[in-house]
Amino acid sequence: MKNLVSLSCLFLLYGCIFTYDPPRALFYVNNYSDEAIYVYFKCGNVDSLPLSPKLELFHFGDAVGTKYENIEEYRFYPPEYRINAYDGSFLFEGTIGTDKKPRLPCKEKEVTLFFITEKTMRSYDWEEIHKNQLFTKKITLTQEELESKNWEYIYP
């Protein structure tokens, strides 16, 4: 019994000294524009918007309903790289690092973000967006710049 109490105290002490530092999202983007934006994330200093992987306007979900209902309703839901107007969101590209030690998932230690408006995403297919480079803004940020901004970026 004495060993059990000692072991329990040891586990409690260990838990107090070493706290769990969970993985975190990459960084936070605030959208202060009048329109939803789509953020294309690419490691390194990239000159042009890549063709692949492509961004989608919405994801297509599974059918909803029970086996007793004769209803097949498919759902569309926004992708994680879509940020509503006057809203913000974490970018989840390669979740890496922790709250105590955030870091980029890139060996280059810099990222390029391409911002595309929802109007553009609705009006053109991805091949046209790529071919004509139809983004509204492009920015390259180093890990040091992100650290100085507390891992937050404000658009526009």
N, C-alpha and C. Protein backbone atom coordinates (compact mmCIF):
# COMPACT_ATOMS: atom_id res chain seq x y z
N MET A 1 0.83 -1.20 0.00
CA MET A 1 0.00 0.00 0.00
C MET A 1 0.88 1.26 0.00
N LYS A 2 1.96 1.20 0.80
CA LYS A 2 2.86 2.34 0.88
C LYS A 2 3.51 2.60 -0.48
N ASN A 3 3.83 1.54 -1.20
CA ASN A 3 4.41 1.68 -2.53
C ASN A 3 3.42 2.29 -3.52
N LEU A 4 2.18 1.93 -3.39
CA LEU A 4 1.14 2.48 -4.27
C LEU A 4 0.96 3.98 -4.05
N VAL A 5 0.97 4.41 -2.79
CA VAL A 5 0.87 5.84 -2.47
C VAL A 5 2.09 6.58 -3.00
N SER A 6 3.27 6.01 -2.81
CA SER A 6 4.50 6.65 -3.31
C SER A 6 4.48 6.75 -4.83
N LEU A 7 4.02 5.71 -5.47
CA LEU A 7 3.94 5.71 -6.93
C LEU A 7 2.93 6.75 -7.43
N SER A 8 1.82 6.87 -6.76
CA SER A 8 0.80 7.87 -7.13
C SER A 8 1.34 9.29 -6.97
N CYS A 9 2.05 9.52 -5.87
CA CYS A 9 2.65 10.84 -5.65
C CYS A 9 3.69 11.16 -6.72
N LEU A 10 4.43 10.15 -7.12
CA LEU A 10 5.45 10.33 -8.16
C LEU A 10 4.79 10.71 -9.49
N PHE A 11 3.70 10.05 -9.85
CA PHE A 11 2.97 10.39 -11.08
C PHE A 11 2.41 11.80 -11.02
N LEU A 12 1.86 12.21 -9.88
CA LEU A 12 1.33 13.57 -9.74
C LEU A 12 2.44 14.60 -9.87
N LEU A 13 3.57 14.34 -9.25
CA LEU A 13 4.70 15.24 -9.34
C LEU A 13 5.20 15.34 -10.79
N TYR A 14 5.30 14.23 -11.45
CA TYR A 14 5.71 14.21 -12.86
C TYR A 14 4.74 15.02 -13.72
N GLY A 15 3.45 14.88 -13.47
CA GLY A 15 2.44 15.62 -14.22
C GLY A 15 2.52 17.11 -14.00
N CYS A 16 2.90 17.53 -12.81
CA CYS A 16 3.02 18.97 -12.51
C CYS A 16 4.26 19.57 -13.15
N ILE A 17 5.33 18.80 -13.22
CA ILE A 17 6.59 19.32 -13.75
C ILE A 17 6.55 19.36 -15.28
N PHE A 18 6.10 18.30 -15.91
CA PHE A 18 6.10 18.19 -17.36
C PHE A 18 4.68 18.34 -17.88
N THR A 19 4.37 19.47 -18.47
CA THR A 19 3.03 19.69 -19.01
C THR A 19 3.02 19.33 -20.49
N TYR A 20 1.89 18.91 -20.93
CA TYR A 20 1.71 18.53 -22.33
C TYR A 20 1.62 19.78 -23.19
N ASP A 21 2.39 19.84 -24.26
CA ASP A 21 2.38 20.95 -25.20
C ASP A 21 1.87 20.41 -26.54
N PRO A 22 0.55 20.48 -26.79
CA PRO A 22 -0.02 19.81 -27.96
C PRO A 22 0.38 20.47 -29.28
N PRO A 23 0.31 19.71 -30.38
CA PRO A 23 0.55 20.29 -31.70
C PRO A 23 -0.46 21.41 -31.97
N ARG A 24 -0.06 22.37 -32.78
CA ARG A 24 -0.94 23.50 -33.04
C ARG A 24 -1.07 23.73 -34.54
N ALA A 25 -2.07 24.52 -34.89
CA ALA A 25 -2.23 24.93 -36.28
C ALA A 25 -1.07 25.84 -36.63
N LEU A 26 -0.86 26.02 -37.91
CA LEU A 26 0.31 26.75 -38.36
C LEU A 26 0.29 28.22 -37.92
N PHE A 27 -0.63 28.98 -38.43
CA PHE A 27 -0.78 30.36 -37.98
C PHE A 27 -2.17 30.87 -38.33
N TYR A 28 -2.49 32.03 -37.80
CA TYR A 28 -3.83 32.57 -37.89
C TYR A 28 -3.88 33.67 -38.95
N VAL A 29 -4.88 33.64 -39.81
CA VAL A 29 -5.07 34.67 -40.84
C VAL A 29 -6.39 35.37 -40.56
N ASN A 30 -6.33 36.69 -40.40
CA ASN A 30 -7.52 37.53 -40.24
C ASN A 30 -7.88 38.12 -41.59
N ASN A 31 -9.14 37.99 -41.97
CA ASN A 31 -9.62 38.56 -43.24
C ASN A 31 -10.47 39.78 -42.94
N TYR A 32 -9.91 40.96 -43.16
CA TYR A 32 -10.65 42.20 -42.94
C TYR A 32 -11.18 42.79 -44.24
N SER A 33 -11.45 41.94 -45.21
CA SER A 33 -12.01 42.41 -46.48
C SER A 33 -13.51 42.15 -46.49
N ASP A 34 -14.17 42.62 -47.55
CA ASP A 34 -15.62 42.48 -47.69
C ASP A 34 -16.04 41.15 -48.31
N GLU A 35 -15.10 40.29 -48.60
CA GLU A 35 -15.41 39.06 -49.31
C GLU A 35 -14.61 37.90 -48.73
N ALA A 36 -15.19 36.71 -48.82
CA ALA A 36 -14.45 35.51 -48.40
C ALA A 36 -13.23 35.33 -49.30
N ILE A 37 -12.17 34.82 -48.71
CA ILE A 37 -10.93 34.58 -49.46
C ILE A 37 -10.53 33.11 -49.32
N TYR A 38 -9.77 32.66 -50.30
CA TYR A 38 -9.18 31.34 -50.29
C TYR A 38 -7.67 31.53 -50.23
N VAL A 39 -7.02 30.84 -49.33
CA VAL A 39 -5.58 31.01 -49.12
C VAL A 39 -4.84 29.77 -49.59
N TYR A 40 -4.00 29.96 -50.61
CA TYR A 40 -3.16 28.88 -51.13
C TYR A 40 -1.82 28.98 -50.43
N PHE A 41 -1.43 27.93 -49.74
CA PHE A 41 -0.22 27.88 -48.94
C PHE A 41 0.83 27.06 -49.69
N LYS A 42 2.02 27.62 -49.85
CA LYS A 42 3.10 26.90 -50.53
C LYS A 42 4.41 27.17 -49.81
N CYS A 43 5.17 26.11 -49.52
CA CYS A 43 6.48 26.27 -48.88
C CYS A 43 7.46 26.94 -49.83
N GLY A 44 8.33 27.77 -49.28
CA GLY A 44 9.35 28.44 -50.06
C GLY A 44 8.88 29.74 -50.67
N ASN A 45 9.80 30.41 -51.37
CA ASN A 45 9.50 31.66 -52.07
C ASN A 45 9.10 31.29 -53.49
N VAL A 46 7.80 31.27 -53.74
CA VAL A 46 7.26 30.81 -55.02
C VAL A 46 6.81 32.01 -55.83
N ASP A 47 7.15 32.02 -57.13
CA ASP A 47 6.81 33.15 -58.00
C ASP A 47 5.37 33.11 -58.50
N SER A 48 4.87 31.92 -58.81
CA SER A 48 3.53 31.85 -59.41
C SER A 48 2.68 30.78 -58.72
N LEU A 49 1.40 30.96 -58.85
CA LEU A 49 0.42 30.05 -58.28
C LEU A 49 0.52 28.69 -58.97
N PRO A 50 0.78 27.61 -58.23
CA PRO A 50 0.94 26.28 -58.84
C PRO A 50 -0.38 25.72 -59.38
N LEU A 51 -0.27 24.81 -60.30
CA LEU A 51 -1.44 24.15 -60.87
C LEU A 51 -1.96 23.06 -59.95
N SER A 52 -1.06 22.42 -59.22
CA SER A 52 -1.46 21.32 -58.36
C SER A 52 -0.79 21.46 -57.00
N PRO A 53 -1.48 21.14 -55.94
CA PRO A 53 -2.88 20.73 -55.86
C PRO A 53 -3.80 21.93 -56.03
N LYS A 54 -4.97 21.68 -56.56
CA LYS A 54 -5.89 22.78 -56.82
C LYS A 54 -6.79 23.03 -55.62
N LEU A 55 -7.24 24.27 -55.51
CA LEU A 55 -8.21 24.62 -54.49
C LEU A 55 -9.61 24.40 -55.04
N GLU A 56 -10.54 24.08 -54.17
CA GLU A 56 -11.93 23.86 -54.56
C GLU A 56 -12.81 24.88 -53.87
N LEU A 57 -13.88 25.26 -54.55
CA LEU A 57 -14.83 26.22 -53.98
C LEU A 57 -15.48 25.65 -52.73
N PHE A 58 -15.97 24.43 -52.83
CA PHE A 58 -16.57 23.71 -51.69
C PHE A 58 -16.20 22.24 -51.80
N HIS A 59 -16.21 21.56 -50.68
CA HIS A 59 -16.04 20.11 -50.67
C HIS A 59 -17.42 19.48 -50.75
N PHE A 60 -17.48 18.32 -51.32
CA PHE A 60 -18.73 17.60 -51.50
C PHE A 60 -18.81 16.52 -50.44
N GLY A 61 -19.85 16.57 -49.61
CA GLY A 61 -19.99 15.61 -48.51
C GLY A 61 -20.80 14.40 -48.89
N ASP A 62 -20.89 13.48 -47.95
CA ASP A 62 -21.64 12.24 -48.14
C ASP A 62 -23.14 12.48 -48.04
N ALA A 63 -23.89 11.49 -48.45
CA ALA A 63 -25.35 11.55 -48.36
C ALA A 63 -25.77 11.55 -46.89
N VAL A 64 -26.83 12.28 -46.62
CA VAL A 64 -27.36 12.37 -45.27
C VAL A 64 -28.74 11.73 -45.26
N GLY A 65 -29.05 10.99 -44.22
CA GLY A 65 -30.36 10.36 -44.09
C GLY A 65 -30.20 8.99 -43.47
N THR A 66 -31.30 8.42 -43.04
CA THR A 66 -31.24 7.09 -42.44
C THR A 66 -31.66 6.07 -43.49
N LYS A 67 -31.41 4.81 -43.19
CA LYS A 67 -31.78 3.76 -44.14
C LYS A 67 -33.29 3.62 -44.26
N TYR A 68 -34.03 4.17 -43.27
CA TYR A 68 -35.49 4.08 -43.31
C TYR A 68 -36.10 5.21 -44.11
N GLU A 69 -35.33 6.29 -44.23
CA GLU A 69 -35.82 7.42 -45.04
C GLU A 69 -35.32 7.21 -46.46
N ASN A 70 -36.10 7.59 -47.40
CA ASN A 70 -35.68 7.49 -48.79
C ASN A 70 -35.11 8.82 -49.26
N ILE A 71 -34.25 9.40 -48.44
CA ILE A 71 -33.71 10.73 -48.71
C ILE A 71 -32.21 10.61 -48.96
N GLU A 72 -31.77 11.17 -50.03
CA GLU A 72 -30.35 11.28 -50.28
C GLU A 72 -30.04 12.75 -50.50
N GLU A 73 -29.58 13.36 -49.47
CA GLU A 73 -29.26 14.78 -49.53
C GLU A 73 -27.75 14.91 -49.37
N TYR A 74 -27.11 15.48 -50.36
CA TYR A 74 -25.68 15.64 -50.31
C TYR A 74 -25.36 17.04 -49.79
N ARG A 75 -24.28 17.13 -49.05
CA ARG A 75 -23.93 18.40 -48.43
C ARG A 75 -22.63 18.94 -49.00
N PHE A 76 -22.60 20.25 -49.13
CA PHE A 76 -21.38 20.94 -49.49
C PHE A 76 -20.88 21.64 -48.23
N TYR A 77 -19.59 21.65 -48.04
CA TYR A 77 -19.04 22.35 -46.88
C TYR A 77 -17.77 23.07 -47.31
N PRO A 78 -17.49 24.19 -46.66
CA PRO A 78 -16.33 24.98 -47.07
C PRO A 78 -15.02 24.29 -46.67
N PRO A 79 -14.00 24.45 -47.50
CA PRO A 79 -12.70 23.87 -47.16
C PRO A 79 -12.01 24.68 -46.06
N GLU A 80 -11.00 24.09 -45.44
CA GLU A 80 -10.31 24.76 -44.33
C GLU A 80 -9.52 25.98 -44.79
N TYR A 81 -9.23 26.11 -46.07
CA TYR A 81 -8.46 27.25 -46.56
C TYR A 81 -9.35 28.42 -46.98
N ARG A 82 -10.66 28.33 -46.75
CA ARG A 82 -11.60 29.43 -47.03
C ARG A 82 -11.82 30.21 -45.74
N ILE A 83 -11.70 31.55 -45.82
CA ILE A 83 -11.89 32.41 -44.65
C ILE A 83 -12.96 33.43 -45.00
N ASN A 84 -14.02 33.45 -44.22
CA ASN A 84 -15.13 34.38 -44.45
C ASN A 84 -14.68 35.83 -44.29
N ALA A 85 -15.48 36.74 -44.85
CA ALA A 85 -15.22 38.17 -44.70
C ALA A 85 -15.31 38.55 -43.23
N TYR A 86 -14.43 39.43 -42.79
CA TYR A 86 -14.37 39.92 -41.41
C TYR A 86 -14.33 38.78 -40.41
N ASP A 87 -13.54 37.78 -40.73
CA ASP A 87 -13.41 36.61 -39.87
C ASP A 87 -11.94 36.18 -39.92
N GLY A 88 -11.62 35.19 -39.17
CA GLY A 88 -10.26 34.67 -39.17
C GLY A 88 -10.27 33.17 -39.03
N SER A 89 -9.14 32.56 -39.35
CA SER A 89 -9.05 31.11 -39.27
C SER A 89 -7.59 30.69 -39.20
N PHE A 90 -7.37 29.53 -38.59
CA PHE A 90 -6.05 28.94 -38.58
C PHE A 90 -5.81 28.24 -39.90
N LEU A 91 -4.61 28.33 -40.42
CA LEU A 91 -4.22 27.54 -41.57
C LEU A 91 -3.68 26.22 -41.04
N PHE A 92 -4.18 25.12 -41.55
CA PHE A 92 -3.82 23.82 -41.04
C PHE A 92 -2.87 23.07 -41.94
N GLU A 93 -2.20 23.76 -42.82
CA GLU A 93 -1.25 23.11 -43.73
C GLU A 93 -0.10 22.51 -42.93
N GLY A 94 -0.06 21.21 -42.85
CA GLY A 94 1.03 20.54 -42.16
C GLY A 94 1.16 20.97 -40.72
N THR A 95 0.13 20.75 -39.92
CA THR A 95 0.17 21.13 -38.51
C THR A 95 1.49 20.67 -37.91
N ILE A 96 2.23 21.62 -37.39
CA ILE A 96 3.57 21.32 -36.89
C ILE A 96 3.91 22.30 -35.79
N GLY A 97 4.77 21.88 -34.91
CA GLY A 97 5.16 22.73 -33.82
C GLY A 97 4.13 22.68 -32.69
N THR A 98 4.43 23.42 -31.64
CA THR A 98 3.55 23.46 -30.48
C THR A 98 3.36 24.91 -30.08
N ASP A 99 2.50 25.15 -29.08
CA ASP A 99 2.29 26.51 -28.62
C ASP A 99 3.58 27.13 -28.08
N LYS A 100 4.40 26.32 -27.42
CA LYS A 100 5.65 26.84 -26.87
C LYS A 100 6.73 26.99 -27.93
N LYS A 101 6.66 26.18 -28.97
CA LYS A 101 7.69 26.24 -30.02
C LYS A 101 7.06 26.02 -31.39
N PRO A 102 6.36 27.04 -31.91
CA PRO A 102 5.78 26.91 -33.25
C PRO A 102 6.88 26.96 -34.31
N ARG A 103 6.62 26.27 -35.42
CA ARG A 103 7.59 26.31 -36.52
C ARG A 103 6.89 25.95 -37.82
N LEU A 104 7.50 26.35 -38.92
CA LEU A 104 6.96 26.07 -40.25
C LEU A 104 7.24 24.63 -40.64
N PRO A 105 6.37 24.04 -41.46
CA PRO A 105 6.61 22.67 -41.92
C PRO A 105 7.49 22.63 -43.17
N CYS A 106 8.30 23.65 -43.37
CA CYS A 106 9.08 23.78 -44.60
C CYS A 106 10.57 23.79 -44.28
N LYS A 107 11.34 23.09 -45.09
CA LYS A 107 12.80 23.13 -44.89
C LYS A 107 13.36 24.50 -45.26
N GLU A 108 12.65 25.26 -46.12
CA GLU A 108 13.12 26.57 -46.54
C GLU A 108 12.93 27.63 -45.46
N LYS A 109 12.11 27.36 -44.45
CA LYS A 109 11.79 28.29 -43.36
C LYS A 109 11.13 29.57 -43.86
N GLU A 110 10.39 29.46 -44.96
CA GLU A 110 9.56 30.55 -45.46
C GLU A 110 8.40 29.97 -46.24
N VAL A 111 7.31 30.74 -46.30
CA VAL A 111 6.11 30.29 -47.00
C VAL A 111 5.60 31.41 -47.90
N THR A 112 4.92 31.01 -48.96
CA THR A 112 4.26 31.96 -49.84
C THR A 112 2.77 31.71 -49.74
N LEU A 113 2.01 32.78 -49.55
CA LEU A 113 0.55 32.71 -49.49
C LEU A 113 -0.02 33.45 -50.68
N PHE A 114 -0.94 32.80 -51.38
CA PHE A 114 -1.68 33.42 -52.47
C PHE A 114 -3.11 33.59 -52.00
N PHE A 115 -3.64 34.80 -52.14
CA PHE A 115 -5.01 35.09 -51.72
C PHE A 115 -5.89 35.22 -52.96
N ILE A 116 -6.96 34.45 -52.98
CA ILE A 116 -7.89 34.42 -54.11
C ILE A 116 -9.28 34.72 -53.59
N THR A 117 -9.99 35.64 -54.24
CA THR A 117 -11.33 35.99 -53.76
C THR A 117 -12.33 34.91 -54.13
N GLU A 118 -13.42 34.87 -53.37
CA GLU A 118 -14.45 33.89 -53.67
C GLU A 118 -15.10 34.16 -55.02
N LYS A 119 -15.20 35.42 -55.39
CA LYS A 119 -15.76 35.78 -56.70
C LYS A 119 -14.94 35.13 -57.82
N THR A 120 -13.63 35.17 -57.69
CA THR A 120 -12.76 34.54 -58.69
C THR A 120 -12.95 33.03 -58.69
N MET A 121 -13.03 32.44 -57.51
CA MET A 121 -13.22 30.98 -57.41
C MET A 121 -14.55 30.55 -58.03
N ARG A 122 -15.57 31.39 -57.92
CA ARG A 122 -16.88 31.07 -58.49
C ARG A 122 -16.92 31.29 -60.01
N SER A 123 -16.11 32.22 -60.49
CA SER A 123 -16.16 32.63 -61.90
C SER A 123 -15.26 31.82 -62.83
N TYR A 124 -14.20 31.23 -62.29
CA TYR A 124 -13.22 30.54 -63.13
C TYR A 124 -12.91 29.16 -62.57
N ASP A 125 -12.52 28.24 -63.45
CA ASP A 125 -12.06 26.95 -62.95
C ASP A 125 -10.58 27.09 -62.58
N TRP A 126 -10.06 26.07 -61.89
CA TRP A 126 -8.70 26.18 -61.35
C TRP A 126 -7.65 26.32 -62.45
N GLU A 127 -7.85 25.69 -63.59
CA GLU A 127 -6.88 25.79 -64.67
C GLU A 127 -6.78 27.24 -65.17
N GLU A 128 -7.92 27.95 -65.28
CA GLU A 128 -7.89 29.36 -65.70
C GLU A 128 -7.25 30.25 -64.63
N ILE A 129 -7.55 29.96 -63.37
CA ILE A 129 -6.94 30.73 -62.27
C ILE A 129 -5.42 30.57 -62.31
N HIS A 130 -4.96 29.34 -62.53
CA HIS A 130 -3.52 29.09 -62.62
C HIS A 130 -2.90 29.76 -63.86
N LYS A 131 -3.52 29.54 -65.00
CA LYS A 131 -2.97 30.05 -66.27
C LYS A 131 -2.84 31.58 -66.25
N ASN A 132 -3.86 32.27 -65.73
CA ASN A 132 -3.86 33.74 -65.71
C ASN A 132 -3.41 34.34 -64.38
N GLN A 133 -2.99 33.45 -63.45
CA GLN A 133 -2.52 33.90 -62.14
C GLN A 133 -3.51 34.89 -61.50
N LEU A 134 -4.74 34.45 -61.34
CA LEU A 134 -5.83 35.30 -60.87
C LEU A 134 -5.92 35.34 -59.35
N PHE A 135 -4.86 35.77 -58.71
CA PHE A 135 -4.88 35.98 -57.27
C PHE A 135 -4.84 37.48 -56.99
N THR A 136 -5.38 37.88 -55.84
CA THR A 136 -5.41 39.31 -55.51
C THR A 136 -4.17 39.78 -54.79
N LYS A 137 -3.52 38.85 -54.08
CA LYS A 137 -2.33 39.23 -53.33
C LYS A 137 -1.45 38.00 -53.14
N LYS A 138 -0.15 38.24 -53.16
CA LYS A 138 0.84 37.18 -52.89
C LYS A 138 1.83 37.75 -51.88
N ILE A 139 2.14 36.96 -50.86
CA ILE A 139 3.11 37.41 -49.87
C ILE A 139 3.97 36.23 -49.44
N THR A 140 5.26 36.49 -49.27
CA THR A 140 6.19 35.49 -48.76
C THR A 140 6.63 35.93 -47.37
N LEU A 141 6.52 35.00 -46.42
CA LEU A 141 6.87 35.29 -45.03
C LEU A 141 7.90 34.29 -44.53
N THR A 142 8.89 34.77 -43.83
CA THR A 142 9.87 33.88 -43.21
C THR A 142 9.37 33.49 -41.82
N GLN A 143 9.99 32.47 -41.27
CA GLN A 143 9.61 32.06 -39.91
C GLN A 143 9.86 33.18 -38.92
N GLU A 144 10.94 33.93 -39.10
CA GLU A 144 11.26 35.05 -38.20
C GLU A 144 10.18 36.14 -38.27
N GLU A 145 9.70 36.44 -39.49
CA GLU A 145 8.63 37.43 -39.63
C GLU A 145 7.35 36.96 -38.95
N LEU A 146 7.02 35.69 -39.11
CA LEU A 146 5.84 35.14 -38.45
C LEU A 146 5.98 35.18 -36.93
N GLU A 147 7.15 34.87 -36.44
CA GLU A 147 7.37 34.94 -34.99
C GLU A 147 7.20 36.36 -34.48
N SER A 148 7.72 37.35 -35.24
CA SER A 148 7.59 38.75 -34.81
C SER A 148 6.15 39.23 -34.85
N LYS A 149 5.31 38.59 -35.68
CA LYS A 149 3.88 38.95 -35.77
C LYS A 149 3.02 38.02 -34.92
N ASN A 150 3.67 37.25 -34.04
CA ASN A 150 2.97 36.31 -33.17
C ASN A 150 2.16 35.29 -33.96
N TRP A 151 2.69 34.87 -35.10
CA TRP A 151 2.09 33.85 -35.96
C TRP A 151 0.69 34.24 -36.43
N GLU A 152 0.54 35.51 -36.77
CA GLU A 152 -0.75 36.03 -37.25
C GLU A 152 -0.51 36.92 -38.46
N TYR A 153 -1.38 36.81 -39.45
CA TYR A 153 -1.30 37.66 -40.64
C TYR A 153 -2.65 38.33 -40.87
N ILE A 154 -2.62 39.59 -41.21
CA ILE A 154 -3.86 40.34 -41.47
C ILE A 154 -3.98 40.64 -42.95
N TYR A 155 -5.10 40.21 -43.55
CA TYR A 155 -5.40 40.47 -44.96
C TYR A 155 -6.51 41.50 -45.00
N PRO A 156 -6.50 42.48 -45.87
CA PRO A 156 -5.54 42.81 -46.92
C PRO A 156 -4.39 43.62 -46.38
